[in-house]
Amino acid sequence: MGIHYYNSATVFESREDSTKYLAIRGSEPAANDVVSDLLRATGWPSNFNPQFLALKSQIENV
């Protein structure tokens, strides 16, 4: 019985105006995850979250 990691991504599209939303979920026992979880739990905006910033950069370059 080992440690299991998971990741998933889902795109939602608004029926009203076709705006698309990307939802990401994942788990990995790494320092980056701990920092991100702490920032979210304490109410910091997404712009301070290193995982959000990395993902945002990747999406903007697609």
PDB file of N, CA and C in Angstrom:
ATOM      1  N   MET A   1       0.844  -1.171   0.000  1.00  0.00           N
ATOM      2  CA  MET A   1       0.000   0.000   0.000  1.00  0.00           C
ATOM      3  C   MET A   1       0.896   1.242   0.000  1.00  0.00           C
ATOM      4  N   GLY A   2       0.958   1.933  -1.140  1.00  0.00           N
ATOM      5  CA  GLY A   2       1.800   3.113  -1.248  1.00  0.00           C
ATOM      6  C   GLY A   2       0.993   4.381  -1.226  1.00  0.00           C
ATOM      7  N   ILE A   3       1.691   5.481  -1.397  1.00  0.00           N
ATOM      8  CA  ILE A   3       1.036   6.788  -1.458  1.00  0.00           C
ATOM      9  C   ILE A   3       0.536   6.991  -2.884  1.00  0.00           C
ATOM     10  N   HIS A   4      -0.690   7.427  -3.020  1.00  0.00           N
ATOM     11  CA  HIS A   4      -1.270   7.651  -4.338  1.00  0.00           C
ATOM     12  C   HIS A   4      -1.416   9.147  -4.588  1.00  0.00           C
ATOM     13  N   TYR A   5      -1.024   9.557  -5.784  1.00  0.00           N
ATOM     14  CA  TYR A   5      -1.152  10.945  -6.192  1.00  0.00           C
ATOM     15  C   TYR A   5      -2.206  11.016  -7.289  1.00  0.00           C
ATOM     16  N   TYR A   6      -2.875  12.122  -7.393  1.00  0.00           N
ATOM     17  CA  TYR A   6      -3.859  12.265  -8.456  1.00  0.00           C
ATOM     18  C   TYR A   6      -3.864  13.689  -8.980  1.00  0.00           C
ATOM     19  N   ASN A   7      -4.262  13.820 -10.208  1.00  0.00           N
ATOM     20  CA  ASN A   7      -4.433  15.116 -10.853  1.00  0.00           C
ATOM     21  C   ASN A   7      -5.618  15.018 -11.787  1.00  0.00           C
ATOM     22  N   SER A   8      -6.371  16.073 -11.893  1.00  0.00           N
ATOM     23  CA  SER A   8      -7.439  16.115 -12.880  1.00  0.00           C
ATOM     24  C   SER A   8      -7.689  17.562 -13.273  1.00  0.00           C
ATOM     25  N   ALA A   9      -8.142  17.740 -14.488  1.00  0.00           N
ATOM     26  CA  ALA A   9      -8.481  19.070 -14.988  1.00  0.00           C
ATOM     27  C   ALA A   9      -9.816  18.971 -15.715  1.00  0.00           C
ATOM     28  N   THR A  10     -10.680  19.944 -15.486  1.00  0.00           N
ATOM     29  CA  THR A  10     -11.981  19.986 -16.130  1.00  0.00           C
ATOM     30  C   THR A  10     -12.234  21.402 -16.620  1.00  0.00           C
ATOM     31  N   VAL A  11     -12.742  21.511 -17.833  1.00  0.00           N
ATOM     32  CA  VAL A  11     -13.110  22.813 -18.380  1.00  0.00           C
ATOM     33  C   VAL A  11     -14.634  22.919 -18.355  1.00  0.00           C
ATOM     34  N   PHE A  12     -15.117  23.996 -17.758  1.00  0.00           N
ATOM     35  CA  PHE A  12     -16.545  24.284 -17.725  1.00  0.00           C
ATOM     36  C   PHE A  12     -16.801  25.469 -18.646  1.00  0.00           C
ATOM     37  N   GLU A  13     -17.916  25.424 -19.367  1.00  0.00           N
ATOM     38  CA  GLU A  13     -18.275  26.528 -20.254  1.00  0.00           C
ATOM     39  C   GLU A  13     -19.657  27.057 -19.880  1.00  0.00           C
ATOM     40  N   SER A  14     -19.739  28.360 -19.718  1.00  0.00           N
ATOM     41  CA  SER A  14     -21.001  29.011 -19.376  1.00  0.00           C
ATOM     42  C   SER A  14     -21.981  28.904 -20.537  1.00  0.00           C
ATOM     43  N   ARG A  15     -23.198  28.537 -20.232  1.00  0.00           N
ATOM     44  CA  ARG A  15     -24.241  28.481 -21.266  1.00  0.00           C
ATOM     45  C   ARG A  15     -24.690  29.878 -21.676  1.00  0.00           C
ATOM     46  N   GLU A  16     -24.495  30.834 -20.792  1.00  0.00           N
ATOM     47  CA  GLU A  16     -24.959  32.194 -21.058  1.00  0.00           C
ATOM     48  C   GLU A  16     -24.061  32.964 -22.011  1.00  0.00           C
ATOM     49  N   ASP A  17     -22.743  32.920 -21.759  1.00  0.00           N
ATOM     50  CA  ASP A  17     -21.849  33.738 -22.581  1.00  0.00           C
ATOM     51  C   ASP A  17     -20.628  32.985 -23.109  1.00  0.00           C
ATOM     52  N   SER A  18     -20.614  31.668 -22.972  1.00  0.00           N
ATOM     53  CA  SER A  18     -19.532  30.804 -23.470  1.00  0.00           C
ATOM     54  C   SER A  18     -18.184  31.040 -22.785  1.00  0.00           C
ATOM     55  N   THR A  19     -18.188  31.741 -21.642  1.00  0.00           N
ATOM     56  CA  THR A  19     -16.952  31.900 -20.878  1.00  0.00           C
ATOM     57  C   THR A  19     -16.507  30.526 -20.403  1.00  0.00           C
ATOM     58  N   LYS A  20     -15.202  30.266 -20.514  1.00  0.00           N
ATOM     59  CA  LYS A  20     -14.667  28.973 -20.101  1.00  0.00           C
ATOM     60  C   LYS A  20     -13.923  29.110 -18.777  1.00  0.00           C
ATOM     61  N   TYR A  21     -14.073  28.102 -17.914  1.00  0.00           N
ATOM     62  CA  TYR A  21     -13.424  28.062 -16.609  1.00  0.00           C
ATOM     63  C   TYR A  21     -12.644  26.764 -16.496  1.00  0.00           C
ATOM     64  N   LEU A  22     -11.413  26.846 -16.045  1.00  0.00           N
ATOM     65  CA  LEU A  22     -10.562  25.668 -15.864  1.00  0.00           C
ATOM     66  C   LEU A  22     -10.471  25.342 -14.382  1.00  0.00           C
ATOM     67  N   ALA A  23     -10.852  24.129 -14.027  1.00  0.00           N
ATOM     68  CA  ALA A  23     -10.772  23.670 -12.638  1.00  0.00           C
ATOM     69  C   ALA A  23      -9.683  22.595 -12.559  1.00  0.00           C
ATOM     70  N   ILE A  24      -8.752  22.769 -11.648  1.00  0.00           N
ATOM     71  CA  ILE A  24      -7.631  21.843 -11.490  1.00  0.00           C
ATOM     72  C   ILE A  24      -7.657  21.276 -10.084  1.00  0.00           C
ATOM     73  N   ARG A  25      -7.451  19.981  -9.988  1.00  0.00           N
ATOM     74  CA  ARG A  25      -7.334  19.329  -8.675  1.00  0.00           C
ATOM     75  C   ARG A  25      -6.130  18.410  -8.726  1.00  0.00           C
ATOM     76  N   GLY A  26      -5.475  18.278  -7.609  1.00  0.00           N
ATOM     77  CA  GLY A  26      -4.350  17.366  -7.566  1.00  0.00           C
ATOM     78  C   GLY A  26      -3.785  17.262  -6.173  1.00  0.00           C
ATOM     79  N   SER A  27      -2.961  16.273  -5.994  1.00  0.00           N
ATOM     80  CA  SER A  27      -2.365  16.063  -4.686  1.00  0.00           C
ATOM     81  C   SER A  27      -0.979  15.458  -4.844  1.00  0.00           C
ATOM     82  N   GLU A  28      -0.054  16.019  -4.141  1.00  0.00           N
ATOM     83  CA  GLU A  28       1.310  15.503  -4.117  1.00  0.00           C
ATOM     84  C   GLU A  28       1.962  16.041  -2.850  1.00  0.00           C
ATOM     85  N   PRO A  29       2.556  15.163  -2.052  1.00  0.00           N
ATOM     86  CA  PRO A  29       3.160  15.648  -0.796  1.00  0.00           C
ATOM     87  C   PRO A  29       4.492  16.365  -1.045  1.00  0.00           C
ATOM     88  N   ALA A  30       4.405  17.568  -1.562  1.00  0.00           N
ATOM     89  CA  ALA A  30       5.600  18.363  -1.845  1.00  0.00           C
ATOM     90  C   ALA A  30       5.472  19.715  -1.142  1.00  0.00           C
ATOM     91  N   ALA A  31       6.588  20.369  -0.945  1.00  0.00           N
ATOM     92  CA  ALA A  31       6.594  21.660  -0.259  1.00  0.00           C
ATOM     93  C   ALA A  31       5.691  22.668  -0.974  1.00  0.00           C
ATOM     94  N   ASN A  32       5.684  22.634  -2.299  1.00  0.00           N
ATOM     95  CA  ASN A  32       4.868  23.568  -3.068  1.00  0.00           C
ATOM     96  C   ASN A  32       3.384  23.380  -2.762  1.00  0.00           C
ATOM     97  N   ASP A  33       2.945  22.125  -2.610  1.00  0.00           N
ATOM     98  CA  ASP A  33       1.554  21.854  -2.260  1.00  0.00           C
ATOM     99  C   ASP A  33       1.215  22.381  -0.868  1.00  0.00           C
ATOM    100  N   VAL A  34       2.110  22.200   0.061  1.00  0.00           N
ATOM    101  CA  VAL A  34       1.874  22.647   1.435  1.00  0.00           C
ATOM    102  C   VAL A  34       1.739  24.169   1.469  1.00  0.00           C
ATOM    103  N   VAL A  35       2.629  24.855   0.776  1.00  0.00           N
ATOM    104  CA  VAL A  35       2.586  26.322   0.730  1.00  0.00           C
ATOM    105  C   VAL A  35       1.280  26.786   0.088  1.00  0.00           C
ATOM    106  N   SER A  36       0.917  26.173  -1.028  1.00  0.00           N
ATOM    107  CA  SER A  36      -0.318  26.555  -1.723  1.00  0.00           C
ATOM    108  C   SER A  36      -1.546  26.312  -0.856  1.00  0.00           C
ATOM    109  N   ASP A  37      -1.581  25.161  -0.190  1.00  0.00           N
ATOM    110  CA  ASP A  37      -2.714  24.854   0.690  1.00  0.00           C
ATOM    111  C   ASP A  37      -2.811  25.859   1.837  1.00  0.00           C
ATOM    112  N   LEU A  38      -1.677  26.224   2.395  1.00  0.00           N
ATOM    113  CA  LEU A  38      -1.658  27.187   3.497  1.00  0.00           C
ATOM    114  C   LEU A  38      -2.159  28.554   3.043  1.00  0.00           C
ATOM    115  N   LEU A  39      -1.729  28.985   1.873  1.00  0.00           N
ATOM    116  CA  LEU A  39      -2.170  30.280   1.347  1.00  0.00           C
ATOM    117  C   LEU A  39      -3.677  30.290   1.122  1.00  0.00           C
ATOM    118  N   ARG A  40      -4.195  29.208   0.551  1.00  0.00           N
ATOM    119  CA  ARG A  40      -5.649  29.125   0.320  1.00  0.00           C
ATOM    120  C   ARG A  40      -6.411  29.079   1.633  1.00  0.00           C
ATOM    121  N   ALA A  41      -5.917  28.305   2.586  1.00  0.00           N
ATOM    122  CA  ALA A  41      -6.617  28.135   3.868  1.00  0.00           C
ATOM    123  C   ALA A  41      -6.667  29.439   4.660  1.00  0.00           C
ATOM    124  N   THR A  42      -5.677  30.298   4.469  1.00  0.00           N
ATOM    125  CA  THR A  42      -5.635  31.549   5.221  1.00  0.00           C
ATOM    126  C   THR A  42      -6.228  32.729   4.441  1.00  0.00           C
ATOM    127  N   GLY A  43      -6.791  32.430   3.265  1.00  0.00           N
ATOM    128  CA  GLY A  43      -7.517  33.458   2.520  1.00  0.00           C
ATOM    129  C   GLY A  43      -6.687  34.344   1.612  1.00  0.00           C
ATOM    130  N   TRP A  44      -5.444  33.977   1.319  1.00  0.00           N
ATOM    131  CA  TRP A  44      -4.625  34.779   0.414  1.00  0.00           C
ATOM    132  C   TRP A  44      -5.188  34.687  -1.002  1.00  0.00           C
ATOM    133  N   PRO A  45      -5.140  35.761  -1.780  1.00  0.00           N
ATOM    134  CA  PRO A  45      -5.627  35.726  -3.166  1.00  0.00           C
ATOM    135  C   PRO A  45      -4.786  34.782  -4.029  1.00  0.00           C
ATOM    136  N   SER A  46      -5.382  34.302  -5.094  1.00  0.00           N
ATOM    137  CA  SER A  46      -4.694  33.368  -6.004  1.00  0.00           C
ATOM    138  C   SER A  46      -3.394  33.929  -6.554  1.00  0.00           C
ATOM    139  N   ASN A  47      -3.321  35.242  -6.709  1.00  0.00           N
ATOM    140  CA  ASN A  47      -2.108  35.853  -7.284  1.00  0.00           C
ATOM    141  C   ASN A  47      -0.862  35.654  -6.429  1.00  0.00           C
ATOM    142  N   PHE A  48      -1.024  35.190  -5.184  1.00  0.00           N
ATOM    143  CA  PHE A  48       0.125  34.909  -4.321  1.00  0.00           C
ATOM    144  C   PHE A  48       0.472  33.423  -4.303  1.00  0.00           C
ATOM    145  N   ASN A  49      -0.338  32.601  -4.956  1.00  0.00           N
ATOM    146  CA  ASN A  49      -0.154  31.158  -4.928  1.00  0.00           C
ATOM    147  C   ASN A  49       0.815  30.733  -6.031  1.00  0.00           C
ATOM    148  N   PRO A  50       1.964  30.125  -5.688  1.00  0.00           N
ATOM    149  CA  PRO A  50       2.961  29.766  -6.699  1.00  0.00           C
ATOM    150  C   PRO A  50       2.431  28.762  -7.727  1.00  0.00           C
ATOM    151  N   GLN A  51       1.566  27.846  -7.317  1.00  0.00           N
ATOM    152  CA  GLN A  51       1.013  26.892  -8.272  1.00  0.00           C
ATOM    153  C   GLN A  51       0.075  27.583  -9.257  1.00  0.00           C
ATOM    154  N   PHE A  52      -0.736  28.506  -8.760  1.00  0.00           N
ATOM    155  CA  PHE A  52      -1.637  29.255  -9.634  1.00  0.00           C
ATOM    156  C   PHE A  52      -0.836  30.058 -10.651  1.00  0.00           C
ATOM    157  N   LEU A  53       0.202  30.727 -10.200  1.00  0.00           N
ATOM    158  CA  LEU A  53       1.009  31.548 -11.099  1.00  0.00           C
ATOM    159  C   LEU A  53       1.690  30.710 -12.176  1.00  0.00           C
ATOM    160  N   ALA A  54       2.191  29.530 -11.806  1.00  0.00           N
ATOM    161  CA  ALA A  54       2.835  28.644 -12.775  1.00  0.00           C
ATOM    162  C   ALA A  54       1.828  28.150 -13.808  1.00  0.00           C
ATOM    163  N   LEU A  55       0.648  27.761 -13.342  1.00  0.00           N
ATOM    164  CA  LEU A  55      -0.385  27.279 -14.256  1.00  0.00           C
ATOM    165  C   LEU A  55      -0.882  28.396 -15.162  1.00  0.00           C
ATOM    166  N   LYS A  56      -1.080  29.571 -14.593  1.00  0.00           N
ATOM    167  CA  LYS A  56      -1.542  30.731 -15.380  1.00  0.00           C
ATOM    168  C   LYS A  56      -0.563  31.034 -16.511  1.00  0.00           C
ATOM    169  N   SER A  57       0.708  30.972 -16.192  1.00  0.00           N
ATOM    170  CA  SER A  57       1.741  31.231 -17.202  1.00  0.00           C
ATOM    171  C   SER A  57       1.679  30.190 -18.324  1.00  0.00           C
ATOM    172  N   GLN A  58       1.487  28.941 -17.973  1.00  0.00           N
ATOM    173  CA  GLN A  58       1.400  27.886 -18.983  1.00  0.00           C
ATOM    174  C   GLN A  58       0.173  28.071 -19.869  1.00  0.00           C
ATOM    175  N   ILE A  59      -0.959  28.392 -19.277  1.00  0.00           N
ATOM    176  CA  ILE A  59      -2.188  28.552 -20.049  1.00  0.00           C
ATOM    177  C   ILE A  59      -2.104  29.746 -20.981  1.00  0.00           C
ATOM    178  N   GLU A  60      -1.499  30.833 -20.518  1.00  0.00           N
ATOM    179  CA  GLU A  60      -1.380  32.034 -21.340  1.00  0.00           C
ATOM    180  C   GLU A  60      -0.464  31.794 -22.542  1.00  0.00           C
ATOM    181  N   ASN A  61       0.420  30.819 -22.443  1.00  0.00           N
ATOM    182  CA  ASN A  61       1.357  30.538 -23.531  1.00  0.00           C
ATOM    183  C   ASN A  61       0.883  29.444 -24.470  1.00  0.00           C
ATOM    184  N   VAL A  62      -0.362  29.001 -24.302  1.00  0.00           N
ATOM    185  CA  VAL A  62      -0.898  27.935 -25.178  1.00  0.00           C
ATOM    186  C   VAL A  62      -1.524  28.549 -26.395  1.00  0.00           C
TER     187      VAL A  62
END
